[in-house]
Amino acid sequence: MDLGRVHLYASLLIIPVSLIFALPFLMIWDIHHLKAGIEPLNSYFIPVLLTGIIAHEFLHGFCWSFFVPGGMKSIKFGIQWKFLSPYCHCKAPIKVFHYKIGTIMPLLITGILPAAVALGSGNGTFLLFSIIFTWMSGGDIISLFMLKELDNDRYVYDHPGKMGFYIKK
């Protein structure tokens, strides 16, 4: 799937993701906790965003590196400038199950975990962080849906220029 289409589909996730995370937060805490989280994020938005993007791509590569020959040497990082989209590409074939692990890890670490911290602590900054980075995992969520019908023991080749993969025969 080309990145323009991925970005379009992922953008549709912002409202459901916001509601899924914000409604429980507001039921447990209140709007003041959410508003209090905006100020720190405003002050450091760009560094937080850049650090989160780098962490997101690194988590893909780090996880996949455990399952491919050559480890991190089989992982390529870059930016597709046409869409200003950073990427992580696994250059070696990898089992579907292992591909899923590397695909979901950034969502869990930068999206779900901060949401759990926010719900437990009332920290609105963590809530906003989790919403942003869950939304930014939209392409990963799409990829996981594309993988769901495949046998976990099959091998896939990560597509070098688009979001997705080839299935090894």
C-alpha atoms as a PDB file:
ATOM      1  CA  MET A   1       0.000   0.000   0.000  1.00  0.00           C
ATOM      2  CA  ASP A   2       1.473   3.369  -0.920  1.00  0.00           C
ATOM      3  CA  LEU A   3       2.115   5.794   1.924  1.00  0.00           C
ATOM      4  CA  GLY A   4      -0.409   8.372   0.723  1.00  0.00           C
ATOM      5  CA  ARG A   5      -3.194   5.826   1.155  1.00  0.00           C
ATOM      6  CA  VAL A   6      -1.769   4.662   4.494  1.00  0.00           C
ATOM      7  CA  HIS A   7      -1.734   8.265   5.780  1.00  0.00           C
ATOM      8  CA  LEU A   8      -5.327   8.747   4.638  1.00  0.00           C
ATOM      9  CA  TYR A   9      -6.557   5.610   6.421  1.00  0.00           C
ATOM     10  CA  ALA A  10      -4.467   6.349   9.516  1.00  0.00           C
ATOM     11  CA  SER A  11      -5.884   9.880   9.719  1.00  0.00           C
ATOM     12  CA  LEU A  12      -9.337   8.345  10.092  1.00  0.00           C
ATOM     13  CA  LEU A  13      -8.170   6.772  13.366  1.00  0.00           C
ATOM     14  CA  ILE A  14      -7.656  10.048  15.243  1.00  0.00           C
ATOM     15  CA  ILE A  15     -11.271  10.388  16.396  1.00  0.00           C
ATOM     16  CA  PRO A  16     -11.802   6.780  17.562  1.00  0.00           C
ATOM     17  CA  VAL A  17      -8.349   6.666  19.213  1.00  0.00           C
ATOM     18  CA  SER A  18      -9.016   9.968  20.991  1.00  0.00           C
ATOM     19  CA  LEU A  19     -12.384   8.745  22.248  1.00  0.00           C
ATOM     20  CA  ILE A  20     -11.106   5.317  23.330  1.00  0.00           C
ATOM     21  CA  PHE A  21      -8.383   6.917  25.455  1.00  0.00           C
ATOM     22  CA  ALA A  22      -9.968  10.203  26.536  1.00  0.00           C
ATOM     23  CA  LEU A  23     -13.400   8.987  27.655  1.00  0.00           C
ATOM     24  CA  PRO A  24     -12.126   6.563  30.334  1.00  0.00           C
ATOM     25  CA  PHE A  25      -9.568   9.178  31.423  1.00  0.00           C
ATOM     26  CA  LEU A  26     -12.285  11.824  31.831  1.00  0.00           C
ATOM     27  CA  MET A  27     -14.558   9.365  33.653  1.00  0.00           C
ATOM     28  CA  ILE A  28     -11.801   8.590  36.182  1.00  0.00           C
ATOM     29  CA  TRP A  29     -10.215  12.026  36.389  1.00  0.00           C
ATOM     30  CA  ASP A  30     -11.558  15.305  35.022  1.00  0.00           C
ATOM     31  CA  ILE A  31     -11.034  17.877  32.305  1.00  0.00           C
ATOM     32  CA  HIS A  32      -8.603  19.830  34.514  1.00  0.00           C
ATOM     33  CA  HIS A  33      -6.163  16.905  34.507  1.00  0.00           C
ATOM     34  CA  LEU A  34      -6.385  16.798  30.725  1.00  0.00           C
ATOM     35  CA  LYS A  35      -5.888  20.568  30.372  1.00  0.00           C
ATOM     36  CA  ALA A  36      -2.927  20.405  32.774  1.00  0.00           C
ATOM     37  CA  GLY A  37      -1.311  17.936  30.378  1.00  0.00           C
ATOM     38  CA  ILE A  38      -1.460  20.305  27.426  1.00  0.00           C
ATOM     39  CA  GLU A  39       0.927  22.944  28.770  1.00  0.00           C
ATOM     40  CA  PRO A  40       4.007  20.708  29.201  1.00  0.00           C
ATOM     41  CA  LEU A  41       3.353  19.109  25.817  1.00  0.00           C
ATOM     42  CA  ASN A  42       3.062  22.545  24.174  1.00  0.00           C
ATOM     43  CA  SER A  43       6.391  23.590  25.633  1.00  0.00           C
ATOM     44  CA  TYR A  44       8.247  20.526  24.364  1.00  0.00           C
ATOM     45  CA  PHE A  45       6.054  19.302  21.509  1.00  0.00           C
ATOM     46  CA  ILE A  46       8.668  19.187  18.736  1.00  0.00           C
ATOM     47  CA  PRO A  47      11.400  17.424  20.791  1.00  0.00           C
ATOM     48  CA  VAL A  48       8.839  14.971  22.195  1.00  0.00           C
ATOM     49  CA  LEU A  49       7.446  14.301  18.739  1.00  0.00           C
ATOM     50  CA  LEU A  50      10.879  13.759  17.166  1.00  0.00           C
ATOM     51  CA  THR A  51      12.054  11.557  20.024  1.00  0.00           C
ATOM     52  CA  GLY A  52       8.848   9.518  19.837  1.00  0.00           C
ATOM     53  CA  ILE A  53       9.172   9.058  16.077  1.00  0.00           C
ATOM     54  CA  ILE A  54      12.778   7.893  16.414  1.00  0.00           C
ATOM     55  CA  ALA A  55      11.807   5.560  19.277  1.00  0.00           C
ATOM     56  CA  HIS A  56       8.895   4.194  17.212  1.00  0.00           C
ATOM     57  CA  GLU A  57      11.104   3.253  14.252  1.00  0.00           C
ATOM     58  CA  PHE A  58      13.900   1.972  16.490  1.00  0.00           C
ATOM     59  CA  LEU A  59      11.462  -0.342  18.287  1.00  0.00           C
ATOM     60  CA  HIS A  60      10.478  -1.910  14.963  1.00  0.00           C
ATOM     61  CA  GLY A  61      14.079  -2.506  14.000  1.00  0.00           C
ATOM     62  CA  PHE A  62      15.246  -3.593  17.432  1.00  0.00           C
ATOM     63  CA  CYS A  63      12.509  -6.236  17.708  1.00  0.00           C
ATOM     64  CA  TRP A  64      12.933  -7.531  14.151  1.00  0.00           C
ATOM     65  CA  SER A  65      16.717  -7.702  14.607  1.00  0.00           C
ATOM     66  CA  PHE A  66      16.328 -10.591  17.053  1.00  0.00           C
ATOM     67  CA  PHE A  67      14.653 -12.740  14.409  1.00  0.00           C
ATOM     68  CA  VAL A  68      16.709 -12.175  11.260  1.00  0.00           C
ATOM     69  CA  PRO A  69      20.224 -13.239  10.289  1.00  0.00           C
ATOM     70  CA  GLY A  70      22.606 -10.338  10.674  1.00  0.00           C
ATOM     71  CA  GLY A  71      20.581  -8.664  13.423  1.00  0.00           C
ATOM     72  CA  MET A  72      20.644  -4.875  13.110  1.00  0.00           C
ATOM     73  CA  LYS A  73      22.692  -5.185   9.896  1.00  0.00           C
ATOM     74  CA  SER A  74      19.484  -6.510   8.288  1.00  0.00           C
ATOM     75  CA  ILE A  75      17.558  -3.405   9.336  1.00  0.00           C
ATOM     76  CA  LYS A  76      17.439  -0.155   7.365  1.00  0.00           C
ATOM     77  CA  PHE A  77      16.137   3.181   8.641  1.00  0.00           C
ATOM     78  CA  GLY A  78      15.261   6.164   6.510  1.00  0.00           C
ATOM     79  CA  ILE A  79      12.736   8.814   5.507  1.00  0.00           C
ATOM     80  CA  GLN A  80      10.473   8.720   2.501  1.00  0.00           C
ATOM     81  CA  TRP A  81      10.711  12.423   1.729  1.00  0.00           C
ATOM     82  CA  LYS A  82       7.656  12.619  -0.527  1.00  0.00           C
ATOM     83  CA  PHE A  83       5.453  11.981   2.530  1.00  0.00           C
ATOM     84  CA  LEU A  84       7.914  13.108   5.234  1.00  0.00           C
ATOM     85  CA  SER A  85       7.493   9.598   6.558  1.00  0.00           C
ATOM     86  CA  PRO A  86      10.234   7.866   8.544  1.00  0.00           C
ATOM     87  CA  TYR A  87      10.465   4.126   8.071  1.00  0.00           C
ATOM     88  CA  CYS A  88      12.160   0.990   9.275  1.00  0.00           C
ATOM     89  CA  HIS A  89      12.729  -1.747   6.709  1.00  0.00           C
ATOM     90  CA  CYS A  90      13.707  -5.343   7.430  1.00  0.00           C
ATOM     91  CA  LYS A  91      15.936  -6.456   4.533  1.00  0.00           C
ATOM     92  CA  ALA A  92      15.720 -10.194   5.296  1.00  0.00           C
ATOM     93  CA  PRO A  93      12.731 -12.546   5.210  1.00  0.00           C
ATOM     94  CA  ILE A  94      11.083 -12.935   8.598  1.00  0.00           C
ATOM     95  CA  LYS A  95       8.398 -15.200  10.055  1.00  0.00           C
ATOM     96  CA  VAL A  96       4.940 -13.618  10.171  1.00  0.00           C
ATOM     97  CA  PHE A  97       4.767 -14.021  13.955  1.00  0.00           C
ATOM     98  CA  HIS A  98       8.093 -12.198  14.396  1.00  0.00           C
ATOM     99  CA  TYR A  99       7.040  -9.520  11.928  1.00  0.00           C
ATOM    100  CA  LYS A 100       3.886  -8.988  14.000  1.00  0.00           C
ATOM    101  CA  ILE A 101       5.947  -8.610  17.179  1.00  0.00           C
ATOM    102  CA  GLY A 102       8.134  -5.924  15.611  1.00  0.00           C
ATOM    103  CA  THR A 103       5.104  -4.246  14.083  1.00  0.00           C
ATOM    104  CA  ILE A 104       3.057  -3.992  17.279  1.00  0.00           C
ATOM    105  CA  MET A 105       5.843  -3.082  19.700  1.00  0.00           C
ATOM    106  CA  PRO A 106       5.868   0.716  19.049  1.00  0.00           C
ATOM    107  CA  LEU A 107       2.086   0.814  19.504  1.00  0.00           C
ATOM    108  CA  LEU A 108       2.408  -0.969  22.843  1.00  0.00           C
ATOM    109  CA  ILE A 109       5.387   1.050  24.143  1.00  0.00           C
ATOM    110  CA  THR A 110       4.581   4.546  22.849  1.00  0.00           C
ATOM    111  CA  GLY A 111       0.776   4.294  22.690  1.00  0.00           C
ATOM    112  CA  ILE A 112      -0.831   1.769  25.048  1.00  0.00           C
ATOM    113  CA  LEU A 113       1.685   1.950  27.922  1.00  0.00           C
ATOM    114  CA  PRO A 114       1.471   5.772  28.262  1.00  0.00           C
ATOM    115  CA  ALA A 115      -2.348   5.479  28.147  1.00  0.00           C
ATOM    116  CA  ALA A 116      -2.245   3.027  31.057  1.00  0.00           C
ATOM    117  CA  VAL A 117       0.076   5.370  32.987  1.00  0.00           C
ATOM    118  CA  ALA A 118      -2.277   8.279  32.245  1.00  0.00           C
ATOM    119  CA  LEU A 119      -5.330   6.358  33.451  1.00  0.00           C
ATOM    120  CA  GLY A 120      -3.552   5.295  36.629  1.00  0.00           C
ATOM    121  CA  SER A 121      -2.007   8.654  37.445  1.00  0.00           C
ATOM    122  CA  GLY A 122      -4.311  11.291  35.972  1.00  0.00           C
ATOM    123  CA  ASN A 123      -1.417  12.646  33.933  1.00  0.00           C
ATOM    124  CA  GLY A 124      -2.903  14.451  30.939  1.00  0.00           C
ATOM    125  CA  THR A 125       0.490  14.770  29.243  1.00  0.00           C
ATOM    126  CA  PHE A 126       0.809  10.991  29.079  1.00  0.00           C
ATOM    127  CA  LEU A 127      -2.741  10.763  27.756  1.00  0.00           C
ATOM    128  CA  LEU A 128      -2.032  13.204  24.923  1.00  0.00           C
ATOM    129  CA  PHE A 129       1.276  11.470  24.182  1.00  0.00           C
ATOM    130  CA  SER A 130      -0.503   8.110  23.987  1.00  0.00           C
ATOM    131  CA  ILE A 131      -3.180   9.476  21.644  1.00  0.00           C
ATOM    132  CA  ILE A 132      -0.595  11.016  19.311  1.00  0.00           C
ATOM    133  CA  PHE A 133       1.596   7.932  19.144  1.00  0.00           C
ATOM    134  CA  THR A 134      -1.270   5.477  18.867  1.00  0.00           C
ATOM    135  CA  TRP A 135      -2.563   7.523  15.953  1.00  0.00           C
ATOM    136  CA  MET A 136       0.938   7.550  14.454  1.00  0.00           C
ATOM    137  CA  SER A 137       0.881   3.746  14.667  1.00  0.00           C
ATOM    138  CA  GLY A 138      -2.033   3.711  12.220  1.00  0.00           C
ATOM    139  CA  GLY A 139       0.100   2.195   9.465  1.00  0.00           C
ATOM    140  CA  ASP A 140       1.226  -0.525  11.854  1.00  0.00           C
ATOM    141  CA  ILE A 141      -2.389  -1.289  12.766  1.00  0.00           C
ATOM    142  CA  ILE A 142      -3.230  -1.547   9.057  1.00  0.00           C
ATOM    143  CA  SER A 143      -0.230  -3.842   8.542  1.00  0.00           C
ATOM    144  CA  LEU A 144      -1.360  -6.092  11.410  1.00  0.00           C
ATOM    145  CA  PHE A 145      -4.786  -6.427   9.785  1.00  0.00           C
ATOM    146  CA  MET A 146      -3.065  -7.363   6.524  1.00  0.00           C
ATOM    147  CA  LEU A 147      -1.135 -10.081   8.388  1.00  0.00           C
ATOM    148  CA  LYS A 148      -4.028 -11.558  10.361  1.00  0.00           C
ATOM    149  CA  GLU A 149      -4.961 -14.260   7.831  1.00  0.00           C
ATOM    150  CA  LEU A 150      -1.393 -15.499   7.327  1.00  0.00           C
ATOM    151  CA  ASP A 151       0.047 -18.544   9.074  1.00  0.00           C
ATOM    152  CA  ASN A 152       2.503 -17.334  11.729  1.00  0.00           C
ATOM    153  CA  ASP A 153       5.172 -19.787  10.510  1.00  0.00           C
ATOM    154  CA  ARG A 154       5.223 -18.416   6.948  1.00  0.00           C
ATOM    155  CA  TYR A 155       7.876 -15.954   5.913  1.00  0.00           C
ATOM    156  CA  VAL A 156       7.320 -12.451   4.599  1.00  0.00           C
ATOM    157  CA  TYR A 157       9.640  -9.974   2.929  1.00  0.00           C
ATOM    158  CA  ASP A 158       9.168  -6.414   4.110  1.00  0.00           C
ATOM    159  CA  HIS A 159       8.380  -4.204   1.101  1.00  0.00           C
ATOM    160  CA  PRO A 160      11.298  -1.804   0.550  1.00  0.00           C
ATOM    161  CA  GLY A 161       9.252   1.146  -0.751  1.00  0.00           C
ATOM    162  CA  LYS A 162       5.670   0.756   0.441  1.00  0.00           C
ATOM    163  CA  MET A 163       3.941  -0.134   3.667  1.00  0.00           C
ATOM    164  CA  GLY A 164       3.479  -3.895   3.636  1.00  0.00           C
ATOM    165  CA  PHE A 165       5.235  -7.061   2.629  1.00  0.00           C
ATOM    166  CA  TYR A 166       5.586  -9.864   0.102  1.00  0.00           C
ATOM    167  CA  ILE A 167       4.611 -13.389   1.075  1.00  0.00           C
ATOM    168  CA  LYS A 168       7.359 -15.941   0.577  1.00  0.00           C
ATOM    169  CA  LYS A 169       6.152 -18.976  -1.389  1.00  0.00           C
END
